[in-house]
Amino acid sequence: MARYTGPVWKQSRRLNFSVLETGEELAKRPYIPGQHGAPNKRIKYSNYGQQLAEKQKIRFTYGVNERQFSNTFDRAVKAKGVTGTVFLQLLESRLDNIVYRMGLARTRRGARQFVNHGHVLVNGKKVDIPSFQVKPGSTIEVKENMRNNRVVLEALEATLNTPAFVTFDKNTMKGTYVRLPERNELNADFNELLVVEYYNRKK
């Protein structure tokens, strides 16, 4: 399945969850789009429906396609630790997400494009693959010809703080992926256990 490239706000309303994690998409119309999305209409989901919705919620938030999402889950199952937490840590360790967390882009979609265009160095080497898994301790920096780019500077200006598991120096345009994030540092609205149940029932 290809990556979703349609309207993010419509996507958020269908899931009743802010994919951009800002809440803007649901501020005016917090109900699903279309003729069946009346404001007062309650939608009941089956157990499978809840699991599927949670999977889509997390997948759309991180902007990955179905195959990448499934492959990442398989890696989490084989790794040590709590599967759901490891799964989220693997998603957070993607290069596009690290770039987003450092404040170099306002959205994950923007961060993915920034990486795709080859503007990022990981440990001194250019990496243009958004799904590249960054290891804790790795250094991420912006290529010199992009350090005064208006879009990048505006994104950094709009970033009030960065999570504790990354650092970024706006003067040198370099940062570090310090460590794997802890579960309480990630989105509390995610219920990764439903995703685990979703994939377990498919086996």
C-alpha atoms as a PDB file:
ATOM      1  CA  MET A   1       0.000   0.000   0.000  1.00  0.00           C
ATOM      2  CA  ALA A   2       1.376   3.410  -0.987  1.00  0.00           C
ATOM      3  CA  ARG A   3       1.971   6.191   1.511  1.00  0.00           C
ATOM      4  CA  TYR A   4      -1.049   8.434   2.066  1.00  0.00           C
ATOM      5  CA  THR A   5      -0.577  11.827   0.385  1.00  0.00           C
ATOM      6  CA  GLY A   6      -4.082  13.260   0.749  1.00  0.00           C
ATOM      7  CA  PRO A   7      -5.378  15.971   3.106  1.00  0.00           C
ATOM      8  CA  VAL A   8      -4.016  15.501   6.613  1.00  0.00           C
ATOM      9  CA  TRP A   9      -6.955  17.295   8.242  1.00  0.00           C
ATOM     10  CA  LYS A  10      -9.464  14.938   6.610  1.00  0.00           C
ATOM     11  CA  GLN A  11      -7.351  12.009   7.745  1.00  0.00           C
ATOM     12  CA  SER A  12      -7.313  13.300  11.317  1.00  0.00           C
ATOM     13  CA  ARG A  13     -11.064  13.843  11.409  1.00  0.00           C
ATOM     14  CA  ARG A  14     -11.705  10.304  10.201  1.00  0.00           C
ATOM     15  CA  LEU A  15      -9.543   8.901  13.008  1.00  0.00           C
ATOM     16  CA  ASN A  16     -10.732  11.485  15.555  1.00  0.00           C
ATOM     17  CA  PHE A  17      -7.072  12.074  16.356  1.00  0.00           C
ATOM     18  CA  SER A  18      -4.677  14.896  15.519  1.00  0.00           C
ATOM     19  CA  VAL A  19      -2.120  13.304  13.192  1.00  0.00           C
ATOM     20  CA  LEU A  20      -0.056  16.514  13.362  1.00  0.00           C
ATOM     21  CA  GLU A  21      -0.243  16.300  17.172  1.00  0.00           C
ATOM     22  CA  THR A  22      -1.302  19.963  17.376  1.00  0.00           C
ATOM     23  CA  GLY A  23      -5.075  19.558  17.690  1.00  0.00           C
ATOM     24  CA  GLU A  24      -5.673  22.104  14.935  1.00  0.00           C
ATOM     25  CA  GLU A  25      -7.370  19.617  12.635  1.00  0.00           C
ATOM     26  CA  LEU A  26     -10.158  18.885  15.123  1.00  0.00           C
ATOM     27  CA  ALA A  27     -10.672  22.379  16.511  1.00  0.00           C
ATOM     28  CA  LYS A  28     -13.600  23.352  14.263  1.00  0.00           C
ATOM     29  CA  ARG A  29     -15.104  20.040  13.178  1.00  0.00           C
ATOM     30  CA  PRO A  30     -14.246  17.164  15.534  1.00  0.00           C
ATOM     31  CA  TYR A  31     -16.211  14.559  13.595  1.00  0.00           C
ATOM     32  CA  ILE A  32     -15.592  12.380  10.566  1.00  0.00           C
ATOM     33  CA  PRO A  33     -15.896  13.936   7.093  1.00  0.00           C
ATOM     34  CA  GLY A  34     -18.675  13.103   4.658  1.00  0.00           C
ATOM     35  CA  GLN A  35     -22.442  12.790   4.890  1.00  0.00           C
ATOM     36  CA  HIS A  36     -22.250  10.204   7.660  1.00  0.00           C
ATOM     37  CA  GLY A  37     -20.104  12.368   9.892  1.00  0.00           C
ATOM     38  CA  ALA A  38     -22.822  14.283  11.679  1.00  0.00           C
ATOM     39  CA  PRO A  39     -21.526  16.040  14.843  1.00  0.00           C
ATOM     40  CA  ASN A  40     -23.865  14.154  17.184  1.00  0.00           C
ATOM     41  CA  LYS A  41     -23.579  10.759  15.551  1.00  0.00           C
ATOM     42  CA  ARG A  42     -21.807   8.101  17.624  1.00  0.00           C
ATOM     43  CA  ILE A  43     -19.781   5.463  15.848  1.00  0.00           C
ATOM     44  CA  LYS A  44     -19.335   2.082  17.469  1.00  0.00           C
ATOM     45  CA  TYR A  45     -16.248   0.089  16.576  1.00  0.00           C
ATOM     46  CA  SER A  46     -15.766  -3.640  16.935  1.00  0.00           C
ATOM     47  CA  ASN A  47     -12.602  -4.868  18.663  1.00  0.00           C
ATOM     48  CA  TYR A  48     -11.014  -5.314  15.255  1.00  0.00           C
ATOM     49  CA  GLY A  49     -12.160  -1.836  14.240  1.00  0.00           C
ATOM     50  CA  GLN A  50     -10.502  -0.330  17.315  1.00  0.00           C
ATOM     51  CA  GLN A  51      -7.269  -2.182  16.605  1.00  0.00           C
ATOM     52  CA  LEU A  52      -7.271  -1.125  12.962  1.00  0.00           C
ATOM     53  CA  ALA A  53      -8.004   2.499  13.842  1.00  0.00           C
ATOM     54  CA  GLU A  54      -5.139   2.561  16.345  1.00  0.00           C
ATOM     55  CA  LYS A  55      -2.760   1.084  13.791  1.00  0.00           C
ATOM     56  CA  GLN A  56      -3.771   3.738  11.262  1.00  0.00           C
ATOM     57  CA  LYS A  57      -3.480   6.475  13.869  1.00  0.00           C
ATOM     58  CA  ILE A  58       0.158   5.622  14.612  1.00  0.00           C
ATOM     59  CA  ARG A  59       1.039   4.842  11.001  1.00  0.00           C
ATOM     60  CA  PHE A  60      -0.317   8.132   9.707  1.00  0.00           C
ATOM     61  CA  THR A  61       1.327  10.099  12.509  1.00  0.00           C
ATOM     62  CA  TYR A  62       4.769   8.792  11.583  1.00  0.00           C
ATOM     63  CA  GLY A  63       3.999   8.957   7.854  1.00  0.00           C
ATOM     64  CA  VAL A  64       5.053   5.437   6.886  1.00  0.00           C
ATOM     65  CA  ASN A  65       3.454   3.097   4.384  1.00  0.00           C
ATOM     66  CA  GLU A  66       1.882  -0.233   5.284  1.00  0.00           C
ATOM     67  CA  ARG A  67       4.892  -2.369   4.387  1.00  0.00           C
ATOM     68  CA  GLN A  68       7.331  -0.216   6.371  1.00  0.00           C
ATOM     69  CA  PHE A  69       4.978  -0.235   9.334  1.00  0.00           C
ATOM     70  CA  SER A  70       4.579  -4.014   9.254  1.00  0.00           C
ATOM     71  CA  ASN A  71       8.312  -4.615   8.815  1.00  0.00           C
ATOM     72  CA  THR A  72       9.071  -2.310  11.742  1.00  0.00           C
ATOM     73  CA  PHE A  73       6.637  -4.249  13.906  1.00  0.00           C
ATOM     74  CA  ASP A  74       8.327  -7.536  12.930  1.00  0.00           C
ATOM     75  CA  ARG A  75      11.660  -6.099  14.050  1.00  0.00           C
ATOM     76  CA  ALA A  76      10.120  -5.045  17.362  1.00  0.00           C
ATOM     77  CA  VAL A  77       8.802  -8.568  17.960  1.00  0.00           C
ATOM     78  CA  LYS A  78      12.304 -10.018  17.525  1.00  0.00           C
ATOM     79  CA  ALA A  79      13.969  -7.421  19.758  1.00  0.00           C
ATOM     80  CA  LYS A  80      14.344  -7.578  23.526  1.00  0.00           C
ATOM     81  CA  GLY A  81      11.902  -5.616  25.643  1.00  0.00           C
ATOM     82  CA  VAL A  82       8.195  -4.804  25.586  1.00  0.00           C
ATOM     83  CA  THR A  83       7.099  -5.179  21.959  1.00  0.00           C
ATOM     84  CA  GLY A  84       4.805  -2.144  21.893  1.00  0.00           C
ATOM     85  CA  THR A  85       7.385   0.182  23.439  1.00  0.00           C
ATOM     86  CA  VAL A  86      10.214  -1.126  21.236  1.00  0.00           C
ATOM     87  CA  PHE A  87       7.965  -0.627  18.223  1.00  0.00           C
ATOM     88  CA  LEU A  88       7.439   3.059  19.042  1.00  0.00           C
ATOM     89  CA  GLN A  89      11.161   3.479  19.745  1.00  0.00           C
ATOM     90  CA  LEU A  90      11.988   2.104  16.285  1.00  0.00           C
ATOM     91  CA  LEU A  91       9.569   4.553  14.686  1.00  0.00           C
ATOM     92  CA  GLU A  92      11.080   7.393  16.706  1.00  0.00           C
ATOM     93  CA  SER A  93      14.569   6.354  15.585  1.00  0.00           C
ATOM     94  CA  ARG A  94      13.800   6.965  11.908  1.00  0.00           C
ATOM     95  CA  LEU A  95      15.959   9.751  10.502  1.00  0.00           C
ATOM     96  CA  ASP A  96      12.987  11.821   9.348  1.00  0.00           C
ATOM     97  CA  ASN A  97      11.519  11.683  12.843  1.00  0.00           C
ATOM     98  CA  ILE A  98      14.821  12.647  14.483  1.00  0.00           C
ATOM     99  CA  VAL A  99      15.079  15.629  12.129  1.00  0.00           C
ATOM    100  CA  TYR A 100      11.519  16.586  13.097  1.00  0.00           C
ATOM    101  CA  ARG A 101      12.245  16.179  16.816  1.00  0.00           C
ATOM    102  CA  MET A 102      15.279  18.451  16.494  1.00  0.00           C
ATOM    103  CA  GLY A 103      13.064  21.193  15.103  1.00  0.00           C
ATOM    104  CA  LEU A 104      14.490  21.313  11.577  1.00  0.00           C
ATOM    105  CA  ALA A 105      11.007  20.927  10.091  1.00  0.00           C
ATOM    106  CA  ARG A 106       7.547  21.821  11.363  1.00  0.00           C
ATOM    107  CA  THR A 107       6.000  18.493  10.377  1.00  0.00           C
ATOM    108  CA  ARG A 108       7.213  14.959   9.850  1.00  0.00           C
ATOM    109  CA  ARG A 109       6.184  15.234   6.224  1.00  0.00           C
ATOM    110  CA  GLY A 110       8.440  18.285   5.885  1.00  0.00           C
ATOM    111  CA  ALA A 111      11.265  16.441   7.660  1.00  0.00           C
ATOM    112  CA  ARG A 112      10.924  13.507   5.261  1.00  0.00           C
ATOM    113  CA  GLN A 113      11.242  15.858   2.290  1.00  0.00           C
ATOM    114  CA  PHE A 114      14.239  17.581   3.902  1.00  0.00           C
ATOM    115  CA  VAL A 115      16.023  14.237   4.263  1.00  0.00           C
ATOM    116  CA  ASN A 116      15.012  13.100   0.771  1.00  0.00           C
ATOM    117  CA  HIS A 117      16.679  16.147  -0.740  1.00  0.00           C
ATOM    118  CA  GLY A 118      19.997  15.206   0.847  1.00  0.00           C
ATOM    119  CA  HIS A 119      20.294  18.088   3.299  1.00  0.00           C
ATOM    120  CA  VAL A 120      21.256  15.948   6.309  1.00  0.00           C
ATOM    121  CA  LEU A 121      24.506  14.365   7.427  1.00  0.00           C
ATOM    122  CA  VAL A 122      24.605  11.464   9.899  1.00  0.00           C
ATOM    123  CA  ASN A 123      27.999  11.055  11.550  1.00  0.00           C
ATOM    124  CA  GLY A 124      29.477  13.169   8.752  1.00  0.00           C
ATOM    125  CA  LYS A 125      27.967  11.190   5.864  1.00  0.00           C
ATOM    126  CA  LYS A 126      25.038  12.247   3.691  1.00  0.00           C
ATOM    127  CA  VAL A 127      21.943  10.128   4.227  1.00  0.00           C
ATOM    128  CA  ASP A 128      18.881  10.737   2.054  1.00  0.00           C
ATOM    129  CA  ILE A 129      16.747   7.800   3.234  1.00  0.00           C
ATOM    130  CA  PRO A 130      13.989   8.951   5.637  1.00  0.00           C
ATOM    131  CA  SER A 131      13.551   5.438   7.091  1.00  0.00           C
ATOM    132  CA  PHE A 132      17.259   5.192   7.996  1.00  0.00           C
ATOM    133  CA  GLN A 133      17.511   3.920  11.582  1.00  0.00           C
ATOM    134  CA  VAL A 134      19.584   6.315  13.658  1.00  0.00           C
ATOM    135  CA  LYS A 135      21.518   4.739  16.498  1.00  0.00           C
ATOM    136  CA  PRO A 136      21.720   6.443  19.906  1.00  0.00           C
ATOM    137  CA  GLY A 137      24.869   8.555  20.101  1.00  0.00           C
ATOM    138  CA  SER A 138      24.778   9.460  16.416  1.00  0.00           C
ATOM    139  CA  THR A 139      25.388  13.038  15.312  1.00  0.00           C
ATOM    140  CA  ILE A 140      22.983  14.721  12.897  1.00  0.00           C
ATOM    141  CA  GLU A 141      23.832  17.977  11.166  1.00  0.00           C
ATOM    142  CA  VAL A 142      22.524  20.169   8.392  1.00  0.00           C
ATOM    143  CA  LYS A 143      24.668  20.463   5.265  1.00  0.00           C
ATOM    144  CA  GLU A 144      26.535  23.762   5.159  1.00  0.00           C
ATOM    145  CA  ASN A 145      24.703  25.134   2.113  1.00  0.00           C
ATOM    146  CA  MET A 146      21.363  24.804   3.952  1.00  0.00           C
ATOM    147  CA  ARG A 147      22.304  26.296   7.296  1.00  0.00           C
ATOM    148  CA  ASN A 148      20.965  29.750   6.436  1.00  0.00           C
ATOM    149  CA  ASN A 149      17.902  28.471   4.617  1.00  0.00           C
ATOM    150  CA  ARG A 150      14.847  30.537   5.524  1.00  0.00           C
ATOM    151  CA  VAL A 151      12.510  27.545   5.947  1.00  0.00           C
ATOM    152  CA  VAL A 152      14.947  25.800   8.277  1.00  0.00           C
ATOM    153  CA  LEU A 153      15.539  28.921  10.358  1.00  0.00           C
ATOM    154  CA  GLU A 154      11.797  29.569  10.655  1.00  0.00           C
ATOM    155  CA  ALA A 155      11.207  25.989  11.784  1.00  0.00           C
ATOM    156  CA  LEU A 156      13.923  26.295  14.429  1.00  0.00           C
ATOM    157  CA  GLU A 157      12.506  29.627  15.564  1.00  0.00           C
ATOM    158  CA  ALA A 158       9.080  28.036  16.019  1.00  0.00           C
ATOM    159  CA  THR A 159      10.517  25.166  18.090  1.00  0.00           C
ATOM    160  CA  LEU A 160      10.182  26.044  21.760  1.00  0.00           C
ATOM    161  CA  ASN A 161      11.953  22.965  23.110  1.00  0.00           C
ATOM    162  CA  THR A 162      13.196  19.560  22.076  1.00  0.00           C
ATOM    163  CA  PRO A 163      12.543  16.253  23.863  1.00  0.00           C
ATOM    164  CA  ALA A 164      15.214  15.055  26.278  1.00  0.00           C
ATOM    165  CA  PHE A 165      16.345  12.214  24.032  1.00  0.00           C
ATOM    166  CA  VAL A 166      17.738  14.609  21.392  1.00  0.00           C
ATOM    167  CA  THR A 167      19.891  17.729  21.523  1.00  0.00           C
ATOM    168  CA  PHE A 168      20.407  20.396  18.873  1.00  0.00           C
ATOM    169  CA  ASP A 169      22.686  23.439  18.716  1.00  0.00           C
ATOM    170  CA  LYS A 170      21.193  26.159  16.501  1.00  0.00           C
ATOM    171  CA  ASN A 171      24.581  27.877  16.184  1.00  0.00           C
ATOM    172  CA  THR A 172      26.491  24.897  14.816  1.00  0.00           C
ATOM    173  CA  MET A 173      23.416  23.270  13.239  1.00  0.00           C
ATOM    174  CA  LYS A 174      24.414  19.968  14.815  1.00  0.00           C
ATOM    175  CA  GLY A 175      22.559  17.677  17.150  1.00  0.00           C
ATOM    176  CA  THR A 176      22.770  14.285  18.808  1.00  0.00           C
ATOM    177  CA  TYR A 177      20.338  11.437  19.197  1.00  0.00           C
ATOM    178  CA  VAL A 178      21.234  10.947  22.837  1.00  0.00           C
ATOM    179  CA  ARG A 179      19.263   7.814  23.697  1.00  0.00           C
ATOM    180  CA  LEU A 180      16.146   5.811  22.974  1.00  0.00           C
ATOM    181  CA  PRO A 181      13.040   7.618  24.193  1.00  0.00           C
ATOM    182  CA  GLU A 182      11.179   6.334  27.208  1.00  0.00           C
ATOM    183  CA  ARG A 183       7.503   5.475  26.812  1.00  0.00           C
ATOM    184  CA  ASN A 184       6.352   8.420  28.945  1.00  0.00           C
ATOM    185  CA  GLU A 185       8.147  10.805  26.573  1.00  0.00           C
ATOM    186  CA  LEU A 186       6.020   9.721  23.619  1.00  0.00           C
ATOM    187  CA  ASN A 187       2.416  10.447  22.689  1.00  0.00           C
ATOM    188  CA  ALA A 188       0.209   9.332  25.584  1.00  0.00           C
ATOM    189  CA  ASP A 189      -2.768   8.969  23.221  1.00  0.00           C
ATOM    190  CA  PHE A 190      -1.157   6.035  21.431  1.00  0.00           C
ATOM    191  CA  ASN A 191      -2.359   2.617  22.546  1.00  0.00           C
ATOM    192  CA  GLU A 192       0.325   0.416  21.046  1.00  0.00           C
ATOM    193  CA  LEU A 193      -1.158  -2.664  22.742  1.00  0.00           C
ATOM    194  CA  LEU A 194      -4.026  -2.525  20.240  1.00  0.00           C
ATOM    195  CA  VAL A 195      -1.481  -2.629  17.417  1.00  0.00           C
ATOM    196  CA  VAL A 196       0.154  -5.675  18.981  1.00  0.00           C
ATOM    197  CA  GLU A 197      -3.272  -7.324  19.176  1.00  0.00           C
ATOM    198  CA  TYR A 198      -3.988  -6.370  15.567  1.00  0.00           C
ATOM    199  CA  TYR A 199      -0.886  -8.125  14.235  1.00  0.00           C
ATOM    200  CA  ASN A 200      -1.236 -11.086  16.583  1.00  0.00           C
ATOM    201  CA  ARG A 201      -4.710 -11.870  15.283  1.00  0.00           C
ATOM    202  CA  LYS A 202      -3.390 -11.889  11.722  1.00  0.00           C
ATOM    203  CA  LYS A 203      -0.972 -14.739  12.486  1.00  0.00           C
END
